[in-house]
Amino acid sequence: MRATILAMALVATPILAQAPGAPDPATLSAARDLMTATDIQGQMRAMMPRMAEAMGVQFRQMFADKMPAGLQDKMTAALQAHMASMDSMLTPQVIDQMATVYARHFSVDELKRLTTLMHDPAMTKFRAEMPNMMGEIMPIMFAAVKPQQESMRVELQQIIADWFKQHPEDKAKLRSPNAR
């Protein structure tokens, strides 16, 4: 999630150079410098526990009176543990793959400028405050999405019901994904 938010913020800068294929070494080096400056792994490590807290609250609200409290607590704990470990997915190899993508979309000069911007005091404060803000932003986002959740759930249930009317043999596969 953090990588997505960061990518969206970086993509807001105009994309002037879009070279197909493998980037040249200088551009890749500049992209790697940007990845270091953004500290995506550190940002995720700081942000995910706060996001998990907000998601846990949302989870408890969604399933209030529908799930035993003990089960709900275990589900929330599992969600929080999973999210807290997500920074570990950003291995040096994954970060380098991300740098390669940036290098294909930005010129050396743009990447250097973005890296400079990452060190700007306002951006430094933004990155420091973002984990704290996510705990406040997530409930706002959940509330904004909530009106659409019910209609989406109803539509998906109808699609599934209609599918099973036409393909009754698939119902057992859904219950047991390993069934053939």
N, C-alpha and C. Protein backbone atom coordinates (compact mmCIF):
# COMPACT_ATOMS: atom_id res chain seq x y z
N MET A 1 0.82 -1.19 0.00
CA MET A 1 0.00 0.00 0.00
C MET A 1 0.87 1.25 0.00
N ARG A 2 1.88 1.28 0.86
CA ARG A 2 2.76 2.45 0.93
C ARG A 2 3.45 2.66 -0.40
N ALA A 3 3.90 1.56 -1.01
CA ALA A 3 4.57 1.70 -2.29
C ALA A 3 3.63 2.31 -3.32
N THR A 4 2.36 1.92 -3.27
CA THR A 4 1.37 2.47 -4.19
C THR A 4 1.19 3.96 -3.96
N ILE A 5 1.06 4.36 -2.69
CA ILE A 5 0.89 5.77 -2.36
C ILE A 5 2.11 6.56 -2.80
N LEU A 6 3.28 6.03 -2.52
CA LEU A 6 4.51 6.71 -2.91
C LEU A 6 4.62 6.80 -4.42
N ALA A 7 4.30 5.70 -5.09
CA ALA A 7 4.36 5.72 -6.55
C ALA A 7 3.41 6.75 -7.13
N MET A 8 2.21 6.86 -6.55
CA MET A 8 1.25 7.85 -7.03
C MET A 8 1.79 9.26 -6.83
N ALA A 9 2.43 9.50 -5.71
CA ALA A 9 2.99 10.83 -5.46
C ALA A 9 4.11 11.14 -6.44
N LEU A 10 4.95 10.16 -6.72
CA LEU A 10 6.05 10.39 -7.64
C LEU A 10 5.58 10.53 -9.09
N VAL A 11 4.55 9.79 -9.44
CA VAL A 11 4.05 9.84 -10.81
C VAL A 11 3.37 11.17 -11.09
N ALA A 12 3.01 11.92 -10.07
CA ALA A 12 2.40 13.22 -10.28
C ALA A 12 3.36 14.17 -10.98
N THR A 13 4.65 13.91 -10.92
CA THR A 13 5.62 14.70 -11.66
C THR A 13 5.50 14.32 -13.13
N PRO A 14 5.54 15.28 -14.04
CA PRO A 14 5.38 14.95 -15.47
C PRO A 14 6.40 13.92 -15.93
N ILE A 15 5.93 12.98 -16.69
CA ILE A 15 6.79 11.94 -17.24
C ILE A 15 7.24 12.40 -18.62
N LEU A 16 8.52 12.73 -18.75
CA LEU A 16 9.04 13.25 -20.01
C LEU A 16 9.76 12.20 -20.83
N ALA A 17 10.37 11.25 -20.17
CA ALA A 17 11.16 10.25 -20.90
C ALA A 17 10.60 8.87 -20.63
N GLN A 18 10.19 8.20 -21.68
CA GLN A 18 9.67 6.84 -21.54
C GLN A 18 10.42 5.95 -22.52
N ALA A 19 11.60 5.53 -22.15
CA ALA A 19 12.40 4.68 -23.01
C ALA A 19 11.96 3.24 -22.87
N PRO A 20 11.67 2.56 -23.99
CA PRO A 20 11.30 1.14 -23.90
C PRO A 20 12.53 0.30 -23.60
N GLY A 21 12.30 -0.87 -23.05
CA GLY A 21 13.39 -1.79 -22.80
C GLY A 21 14.17 -1.47 -21.54
N ALA A 22 15.36 -2.03 -21.47
CA ALA A 22 16.20 -1.87 -20.28
C ALA A 22 16.75 -0.45 -20.22
N PRO A 23 16.74 0.14 -19.05
CA PRO A 23 17.28 1.50 -18.91
C PRO A 23 18.81 1.49 -18.97
N ASP A 24 19.36 2.64 -19.34
CA ASP A 24 20.81 2.74 -19.36
C ASP A 24 21.34 2.77 -17.93
N PRO A 25 22.61 2.45 -17.73
CA PRO A 25 23.16 2.36 -16.37
C PRO A 25 23.04 3.67 -15.57
N ALA A 26 23.24 4.81 -16.20
CA ALA A 26 23.16 6.08 -15.46
C ALA A 26 21.74 6.33 -14.96
N THR A 27 20.76 6.02 -15.79
CA THR A 27 19.37 6.22 -15.39
C THR A 27 19.00 5.24 -14.28
N LEU A 28 19.45 4.00 -14.42
CA LEU A 28 19.18 3.01 -13.38
C LEU A 28 19.83 3.40 -12.07
N SER A 29 21.02 3.92 -12.12
CA SER A 29 21.71 4.38 -10.91
C SER A 29 20.93 5.52 -10.24
N ALA A 30 20.45 6.45 -11.04
CA ALA A 30 19.66 7.57 -10.49
C ALA A 30 18.36 7.05 -9.88
N ALA A 31 17.76 6.05 -10.50
CA ALA A 31 16.52 5.47 -9.97
C ALA A 31 16.80 4.75 -8.65
N ARG A 32 17.92 4.07 -8.58
CA ARG A 32 18.29 3.40 -7.32
C ARG A 32 18.50 4.43 -6.20
N ASP A 33 19.12 5.56 -6.55
CA ASP A 33 19.29 6.63 -5.57
C ASP A 33 17.94 7.13 -5.07
N LEU A 34 16.97 7.23 -5.97
CA LEU A 34 15.63 7.66 -5.58
C LEU A 34 14.99 6.64 -4.65
N MET A 35 15.16 5.36 -4.94
CA MET A 35 14.60 4.33 -4.08
C MET A 35 15.20 4.44 -2.67
N THR A 36 16.49 4.71 -2.61
CA THR A 36 17.14 4.88 -1.30
C THR A 36 16.58 6.10 -0.58
N ALA A 37 16.43 7.19 -1.31
CA ALA A 37 15.92 8.43 -0.71
C ALA A 37 14.49 8.30 -0.21
N THR A 38 13.69 7.50 -0.89
CA THR A 38 12.29 7.35 -0.47
C THR A 38 12.13 6.44 0.73
N ASP A 39 13.09 5.55 0.94
CA ASP A 39 13.06 4.62 2.08
C ASP A 39 11.69 3.93 2.19
N ILE A 40 11.29 3.31 1.12
CA ILE A 40 9.98 2.66 1.07
C ILE A 40 9.84 1.63 2.19
N GLN A 41 10.88 0.84 2.41
CA GLN A 41 10.79 -0.18 3.44
C GLN A 41 10.59 0.44 4.82
N GLY A 42 11.33 1.49 5.12
CA GLY A 42 11.16 2.17 6.40
C GLY A 42 9.78 2.80 6.53
N GLN A 43 9.30 3.36 5.42
CA GLN A 43 7.97 3.96 5.43
C GLN A 43 6.91 2.89 5.70
N MET A 44 7.04 1.74 5.05
CA MET A 44 6.08 0.67 5.29
C MET A 44 6.16 0.17 6.72
N ARG A 45 7.37 0.04 7.23
CA ARG A 45 7.56 -0.43 8.60
C ARG A 45 6.87 0.52 9.59
N ALA A 46 6.91 1.82 9.31
CA ALA A 46 6.27 2.80 10.18
C ALA A 46 4.76 2.89 9.94
N MET A 47 4.34 2.72 8.71
CA MET A 47 2.95 2.96 8.36
C MET A 47 2.04 1.75 8.59
N MET A 48 2.53 0.57 8.29
CA MET A 48 1.66 -0.60 8.32
C MET A 48 1.01 -0.88 9.67
N PRO A 49 1.71 -0.76 10.79
CA PRO A 49 1.01 -0.99 12.06
C PRO A 49 -0.17 -0.03 12.26
N ARG A 50 0.00 1.21 11.85
CA ARG A 50 -1.10 2.17 11.99
C ARG A 50 -2.25 1.86 11.04
N MET A 51 -1.91 1.44 9.83
CA MET A 51 -2.95 1.03 8.90
C MET A 51 -3.66 -0.22 9.41
N ALA A 52 -2.90 -1.14 9.98
CA ALA A 52 -3.49 -2.35 10.52
C ALA A 52 -4.45 -2.04 11.66
N GLU A 53 -4.08 -1.08 12.50
CA GLU A 53 -4.99 -0.67 13.58
C GLU A 53 -6.31 -0.17 13.00
N ALA A 54 -6.21 0.71 12.00
CA ALA A 54 -7.42 1.26 11.38
C ALA A 54 -8.23 0.15 10.70
N MET A 55 -7.54 -0.77 10.04
CA MET A 55 -8.25 -1.87 9.39
C MET A 55 -8.88 -2.80 10.42
N GLY A 56 -8.21 -2.98 11.56
CA GLY A 56 -8.78 -3.80 12.63
C GLY A 56 -10.06 -3.20 13.15
N VAL A 57 -10.07 -1.89 13.34
CA VAL A 57 -11.30 -1.20 13.78
C VAL A 57 -12.40 -1.40 12.73
N GLN A 58 -12.05 -1.21 11.47
CA GLN A 58 -13.03 -1.39 10.39
C GLN A 58 -13.54 -2.83 10.36
N PHE A 59 -12.64 -3.78 10.52
CA PHE A 59 -12.99 -5.19 10.52
C PHE A 59 -13.98 -5.49 11.64
N ARG A 60 -13.69 -4.97 12.84
CA ARG A 60 -14.59 -5.21 13.98
C ARG A 60 -15.96 -4.56 13.74
N GLN A 61 -15.97 -3.40 13.11
CA GLN A 61 -17.24 -2.74 12.82
C GLN A 61 -18.04 -3.51 11.76
N MET A 62 -17.35 -4.01 10.75
CA MET A 62 -18.03 -4.73 9.68
C MET A 62 -18.69 -6.01 10.19
N PHE A 63 -18.03 -6.68 11.13
CA PHE A 63 -18.51 -7.96 11.59
C PHE A 63 -19.12 -7.92 12.98
N ALA A 64 -19.42 -6.71 13.47
CA ALA A 64 -20.04 -6.58 14.79
C ALA A 64 -21.33 -7.38 14.81
N ASP A 65 -21.53 -8.14 15.85
CA ASP A 65 -22.73 -8.95 16.04
C ASP A 65 -22.88 -10.06 15.00
N LYS A 66 -21.87 -10.29 14.16
CA LYS A 66 -21.95 -11.35 13.16
C LYS A 66 -20.91 -12.43 13.41
N MET A 67 -19.97 -12.12 14.29
CA MET A 67 -18.87 -13.05 14.53
C MET A 67 -18.58 -13.06 16.03
N PRO A 68 -18.33 -14.22 16.60
CA PRO A 68 -17.98 -14.25 18.02
C PRO A 68 -16.76 -13.38 18.31
N ALA A 69 -16.78 -12.69 19.44
CA ALA A 69 -15.72 -11.75 19.80
C ALA A 69 -14.35 -12.41 19.79
N GLY A 70 -14.23 -13.62 20.32
CA GLY A 70 -12.93 -14.31 20.34
C GLY A 70 -12.40 -14.54 18.94
N LEU A 71 -13.26 -14.97 18.03
CA LEU A 71 -12.85 -15.19 16.65
C LEU A 71 -12.47 -13.87 16.00
N GLN A 72 -13.26 -12.86 16.27
CA GLN A 72 -12.99 -11.53 15.72
C GLN A 72 -11.63 -11.02 16.18
N ASP A 73 -11.30 -11.23 17.45
CA ASP A 73 -10.01 -10.80 17.99
C ASP A 73 -8.86 -11.55 17.30
N LYS A 74 -9.04 -12.85 17.09
CA LYS A 74 -8.00 -13.64 16.43
C LYS A 74 -7.81 -13.19 14.98
N MET A 75 -8.91 -12.91 14.29
CA MET A 75 -8.83 -12.45 12.91
C MET A 75 -8.14 -11.10 12.84
N THR A 76 -8.48 -10.21 13.75
CA THR A 76 -7.86 -8.88 13.79
C THR A 76 -6.37 -9.00 14.07
N ALA A 77 -5.99 -9.85 15.02
CA ALA A 77 -4.58 -10.04 15.35
C ALA A 77 -3.81 -10.59 14.15
N ALA A 78 -4.41 -11.54 13.42
CA ALA A 78 -3.75 -12.10 12.24
C ALA A 78 -3.58 -11.03 11.17
N LEU A 79 -4.59 -10.21 10.96
CA LEU A 79 -4.52 -9.12 9.99
C LEU A 79 -3.40 -8.17 10.37
N GLN A 80 -3.35 -7.80 11.63
CA GLN A 80 -2.33 -6.86 12.08
C GLN A 80 -0.93 -7.46 11.97
N ALA A 81 -0.76 -8.72 12.31
CA ALA A 81 0.55 -9.37 12.20
C ALA A 81 0.99 -9.44 10.74
N HIS A 82 0.07 -9.78 9.87
CA HIS A 82 0.39 -9.87 8.44
C HIS A 82 0.83 -8.50 7.91
N MET A 83 0.06 -7.49 8.21
CA MET A 83 0.39 -6.16 7.70
C MET A 83 1.69 -5.65 8.30
N ALA A 84 1.95 -5.95 9.55
CA ALA A 84 3.18 -5.49 10.20
C ALA A 84 4.42 -6.09 9.56
N SER A 85 4.27 -7.23 8.91
CA SER A 85 5.42 -7.89 8.29
C SER A 85 5.56 -7.56 6.80
N MET A 86 4.70 -6.73 6.27
CA MET A 86 4.73 -6.48 4.83
C MET A 86 6.00 -5.78 4.37
N ASP A 87 6.65 -5.03 5.23
CA ASP A 87 7.89 -4.37 4.81
C ASP A 87 8.96 -5.39 4.41
N SER A 88 8.86 -6.61 4.94
CA SER A 88 9.85 -7.63 4.61
C SER A 88 9.76 -8.09 3.16
N MET A 89 8.63 -7.82 2.51
CA MET A 89 8.51 -8.21 1.10
C MET A 89 9.36 -7.32 0.20
N LEU A 90 9.75 -6.16 0.72
CA LEU A 90 10.55 -5.24 -0.08
C LEU A 90 12.03 -5.58 0.05
N THR A 91 12.39 -6.69 -0.53
CA THR A 91 13.78 -7.13 -0.52
C THR A 91 14.60 -6.22 -1.43
N PRO A 92 15.91 -6.26 -1.32
CA PRO A 92 16.73 -5.46 -2.25
C PRO A 92 16.42 -5.76 -3.73
N GLN A 93 16.08 -7.01 -4.02
CA GLN A 93 15.75 -7.38 -5.39
C GLN A 93 14.46 -6.71 -5.85
N VAL A 94 13.45 -6.70 -4.99
CA VAL A 94 12.18 -6.06 -5.33
C VAL A 94 12.37 -4.56 -5.50
N ILE A 95 13.12 -3.96 -4.60
CA ILE A 95 13.37 -2.52 -4.68
C ILE A 95 14.14 -2.21 -5.97
N ASP A 96 15.07 -3.07 -6.35
CA ASP A 96 15.81 -2.86 -7.59
C ASP A 96 14.89 -3.00 -8.81
N GLN A 97 13.95 -3.93 -8.75
CA GLN A 97 12.99 -4.06 -9.84
C GLN A 97 12.13 -2.80 -9.95
N MET A 98 11.75 -2.24 -8.80
CA MET A 98 10.99 -0.99 -8.81
C MET A 98 11.84 0.13 -9.40
N ALA A 99 13.14 0.18 -9.04
CA ALA A 99 14.03 1.20 -9.59
C ALA A 99 14.11 1.08 -11.10
N THR A 100 14.10 -0.14 -11.61
CA THR A 100 14.14 -0.35 -13.05
C THR A 100 12.90 0.23 -13.72
N VAL A 101 11.75 0.07 -13.08
CA VAL A 101 10.51 0.65 -13.63
C VAL A 101 10.62 2.17 -13.66
N TYR A 102 11.06 2.77 -12.54
CA TYR A 102 11.23 4.22 -12.50
C TYR A 102 12.21 4.67 -13.59
N ALA A 103 13.28 3.91 -13.77
CA ALA A 103 14.29 4.28 -14.77
C ALA A 103 13.74 4.23 -16.19
N ARG A 104 12.74 3.41 -16.42
CA ARG A 104 12.13 3.36 -17.75
C ARG A 104 11.16 4.51 -17.98
N HIS A 105 10.69 5.14 -16.92
CA HIS A 105 9.69 6.19 -17.06
C HIS A 105 10.21 7.60 -16.84
N PHE A 106 11.40 7.72 -16.25
CA PHE A 106 11.95 9.03 -15.94
C PHE A 106 13.36 9.15 -16.49
N SER A 107 13.76 10.36 -16.82
CA SER A 107 15.13 10.61 -17.27
C SER A 107 16.05 10.72 -16.06
N VAL A 108 17.34 10.71 -16.30
CA VAL A 108 18.32 10.86 -15.23
C VAL A 108 18.06 12.17 -14.49
N ASP A 109 17.87 13.26 -15.22
CA ASP A 109 17.65 14.55 -14.59
C ASP A 109 16.39 14.56 -13.73
N GLU A 110 15.33 13.95 -14.21
CA GLU A 110 14.09 13.90 -13.42
C GLU A 110 14.29 13.08 -12.15
N LEU A 111 14.97 11.96 -12.28
CA LEU A 111 15.22 11.11 -11.11
C LEU A 111 16.08 11.84 -10.08
N LYS A 112 17.07 12.57 -10.55
CA LYS A 112 17.91 13.35 -9.63
C LYS A 112 17.08 14.43 -8.96
N ARG A 113 16.20 15.06 -9.70
CA ARG A 113 15.33 16.10 -9.13
C ARG A 113 14.39 15.49 -8.09
N LEU A 114 13.82 14.35 -8.40
CA LEU A 114 12.94 13.67 -7.44
C LEU A 114 13.70 13.30 -6.17
N THR A 115 14.92 12.83 -6.34
CA THR A 115 15.74 12.49 -5.17
C THR A 115 16.00 13.73 -4.33
N THR A 116 16.30 14.85 -5.00
CA THR A 116 16.49 16.11 -4.28
C THR A 116 15.22 16.49 -3.54
N LEU A 117 14.08 16.34 -4.19
CA LEU A 117 12.80 16.66 -3.56
C LEU A 117 12.55 15.79 -2.33
N MET A 118 12.96 14.53 -2.39
CA MET A 118 12.78 13.63 -1.25
C MET A 118 13.54 14.12 -0.02
N HIS A 119 14.61 14.88 -0.25
CA HIS A 119 15.40 15.42 0.86
C HIS A 119 14.95 16.81 1.30
N ASP A 120 14.00 17.38 0.59
CA ASP A 120 13.46 18.70 0.96
C ASP A 120 12.81 18.58 2.34
N PRO A 121 12.97 19.60 3.20
CA PRO A 121 12.39 19.53 4.55
C PRO A 121 10.88 19.25 4.57
N ALA A 122 10.16 19.81 3.62
CA ALA A 122 8.71 19.55 3.59
C ALA A 122 8.43 18.08 3.27
N MET A 123 9.20 17.50 2.33
CA MET A 123 9.00 16.10 1.99
C MET A 123 9.45 15.20 3.13
N THR A 124 10.52 15.59 3.79
CA THR A 124 11.00 14.82 4.95
C THR A 124 9.92 14.80 6.03
N LYS A 125 9.31 15.95 6.26
CA LYS A 125 8.21 16.00 7.24
C LYS A 125 7.02 15.18 6.76
N PHE A 126 6.71 15.28 5.47
CA PHE A 126 5.60 14.51 4.90
C PHE A 126 5.80 13.02 5.16
N ARG A 127 7.01 12.52 4.87
CA ARG A 127 7.28 11.10 5.08
C ARG A 127 7.23 10.74 6.56
N ALA A 128 7.69 11.64 7.42
CA ALA A 128 7.66 11.37 8.86
C ALA A 128 6.24 11.36 9.40
N GLU A 129 5.39 12.24 8.89
CA GLU A 129 4.02 12.34 9.38
C GLU A 129 3.05 11.34 8.74
N MET A 130 3.38 10.86 7.55
CA MET A 130 2.46 9.98 6.82
C MET A 130 2.03 8.77 7.65
N PRO A 131 2.93 8.07 8.34
CA PRO A 131 2.45 6.93 9.14
C PRO A 131 1.41 7.34 10.18
N ASN A 132 1.62 8.46 10.84
CA ASN A 132 0.65 8.94 11.83
C ASN A 132 -0.66 9.32 11.16
N MET A 133 -0.56 9.95 10.02
CA MET A 133 -1.76 10.40 9.31
C MET A 133 -2.59 9.24 8.78
N MET A 134 -1.94 8.12 8.41
CA MET A 134 -2.68 6.99 7.84
C MET A 134 -3.70 6.44 8.82
N GLY A 135 -3.37 6.46 10.11
CA GLY A 135 -4.34 6.01 11.11
C GLY A 135 -5.59 6.89 11.11
N GLU A 136 -5.44 8.13 10.72
CA GLU A 136 -6.58 9.05 10.65
C GLU A 136 -7.25 9.01 9.28
N ILE A 137 -6.45 8.78 8.23
CA ILE A 137 -6.97 8.79 6.86
C ILE A 137 -7.77 7.53 6.55
N MET A 138 -7.30 6.39 7.03
CA MET A 138 -7.97 5.12 6.71
C MET A 138 -9.45 5.12 7.11
N PRO A 139 -9.83 5.56 8.31
CA PRO A 139 -11.26 5.59 8.62
C PRO A 139 -12.07 6.49 7.67
N ILE A 140 -11.47 7.57 7.22
CA ILE A 140 -12.13 8.45 6.26
C ILE A 140 -12.36 7.69 4.95
N MET A 141 -11.32 6.96 4.51
CA MET A 141 -11.45 6.19 3.27
C MET A 141 -12.47 5.07 3.42
N PHE A 142 -12.44 4.38 4.57
CA PHE A 142 -13.43 3.32 4.79
C PHE A 142 -14.84 3.88 4.74
N ALA A 143 -15.05 5.03 5.36
CA ALA A 143 -16.38 5.66 5.37
C ALA A 143 -16.78 6.07 3.95
N ALA A 144 -15.83 6.54 3.17
CA ALA A 144 -16.13 6.95 1.79
C ALA A 144 -16.51 5.76 0.92
N VAL A 145 -15.89 4.62 1.17
CA VAL A 145 -16.13 3.43 0.36
C VAL A 145 -17.38 2.67 0.83
N LYS A 146 -17.73 2.82 2.09
CA LYS A 146 -18.81 2.03 2.68
C LYS A 146 -20.12 2.03 1.88
N PRO A 147 -20.60 3.18 1.39
CA PRO A 147 -21.86 3.14 0.63
C PRO A 147 -21.81 2.23 -0.59
N GLN A 148 -20.64 2.09 -1.18
CA GLN A 148 -20.53 1.24 -2.36
C GLN A 148 -20.32 -0.22 -2.01
N GLN A 149 -19.86 -0.51 -0.80
CA GLN A 149 -19.57 -1.90 -0.41
C GLN A 149 -20.82 -2.77 -0.50
N GLU A 150 -21.93 -2.28 0.01
CA GLU A 150 -23.14 -3.09 0.03
C GLU A 150 -23.63 -3.39 -1.38
N SER A 151 -23.66 -2.39 -2.23
CA SER A 151 -24.13 -2.63 -3.60
C SER A 151 -23.16 -3.57 -4.33
N MET A 152 -21.87 -3.45 -4.07
CA MET A 152 -20.90 -4.35 -4.69
C MET A 152 -21.12 -5.77 -4.17
N ARG A 153 -21.33 -5.93 -2.86
CA ARG A 153 -21.56 -7.25 -2.29
C ARG A 153 -22.79 -7.90 -2.91
N VAL A 154 -23.86 -7.13 -3.04
CA VAL A 154 -25.11 -7.65 -3.62
C VAL A 154 -24.87 -8.06 -5.08
N GLU A 155 -24.19 -7.20 -5.82
CA GLU A 155 -23.92 -7.51 -7.23
C GLU A 155 -23.06 -8.76 -7.37
N LEU A 156 -22.03 -8.88 -6.55
CA LEU A 156 -21.17 -10.06 -6.62
C LEU A 156 -21.93 -11.33 -6.23
N GLN A 157 -22.77 -11.24 -5.21
CA GLN A 157 -23.57 -12.40 -4.83
C GLN A 157 -24.49 -12.81 -5.98
N GLN A 158 -25.07 -11.84 -6.68
CA GLN A 158 -25.96 -12.16 -7.80
C GLN A 158 -25.18 -12.79 -8.95
N ILE A 159 -24.00 -12.28 -9.23
CA ILE A 159 -23.16 -12.86 -10.28
C ILE A 159 -22.84 -14.31 -9.95
N ILE A 160 -22.48 -14.57 -8.69
CA ILE A 160 -22.16 -15.94 -8.27
C ILE A 160 -23.38 -16.83 -8.37
N ALA A 161 -24.52 -16.34 -7.89
CA ALA A 161 -25.76 -17.14 -7.95
C ALA A 161 -26.11 -17.47 -9.40
N ASP A 162 -26.03 -16.48 -10.28
CA ASP A 162 -26.33 -16.71 -11.69
C ASP A 162 -25.35 -17.70 -12.31
N TRP A 163 -24.08 -17.58 -11.94
CA TRP A 163 -23.07 -18.50 -12.47
C TRP A 163 -23.39 -19.93 -12.06
N PHE A 164 -23.72 -20.13 -10.78
CA PHE A 164 -23.99 -21.48 -10.31
C PHE A 164 -25.26 -22.06 -10.92
N LYS A 165 -26.21 -21.22 -11.30
CA LYS A 165 -27.40 -21.72 -12.00
C LYS A 165 -27.00 -22.31 -13.34
N GLN A 166 -26.03 -21.66 -13.99
CA GLN A 166 -25.59 -22.11 -15.31
C GLN A 166 -24.47 -23.15 -15.23
N HIS A 167 -23.74 -23.16 -14.13
CA HIS A 167 -22.60 -24.06 -13.95
C HIS A 167 -22.63 -24.69 -12.56
N PRO A 168 -23.61 -25.55 -12.27
CA PRO A 168 -23.73 -26.10 -10.91
C PRO A 168 -22.51 -26.91 -10.48
N GLU A 169 -21.78 -27.47 -11.43
CA GLU A 169 -20.60 -28.26 -11.07
C GLU A 169 -19.49 -27.40 -10.43
N ASP A 170 -19.52 -26.10 -10.67
CA ASP A 170 -18.50 -25.21 -10.12
C ASP A 170 -18.71 -24.89 -8.64
N LYS A 171 -19.92 -25.14 -8.13
CA LYS A 171 -20.20 -24.81 -6.74
C LYS A 171 -19.29 -25.59 -5.79
N ALA A 172 -19.08 -26.87 -6.07
CA ALA A 172 -18.21 -27.69 -5.23
C ALA A 172 -16.77 -27.21 -5.34
N LYS A 173 -16.36 -26.73 -6.50
CA LYS A 173 -14.99 -26.24 -6.68
C LYS A 173 -14.75 -25.00 -5.81
N LEU A 174 -15.75 -24.16 -5.69
CA LEU A 174 -15.60 -22.95 -4.88
C LEU A 174 -15.47 -23.30 -3.40
N ARG A 175 -16.24 -24.30 -2.96
CA ARG A 175 -16.14 -24.74 -1.57
C ARG A 175 -14.79 -25.37 -1.27
N SER A 176 -14.26 -26.10 -2.26
CA SER A 176 -12.98 -26.79 -2.10
C SER A 176 -12.14 -26.52 -3.36
N PRO A 177 -11.30 -25.48 -3.32
CA PRO A 177 -10.53 -25.10 -4.50
C PRO A 177 -9.66 -26.22 -5.06
N ASN A 178 -9.33 -27.22 -4.24
CA ASN A 178 -8.50 -28.32 -4.73
C ASN A 178 -9.32 -29.41 -5.38
N ALA A 179 -10.66 -29.30 -5.34
CA ALA A 179 -11.51 -30.31 -5.98
C ALA A 179 -11.37 -30.22 -7.49
N ARG A 180 -11.44 -31.33 -8.12
CA ARG A 180 -11.30 -31.34 -9.59
C ARG A 180 -12.57 -31.70 -10.25
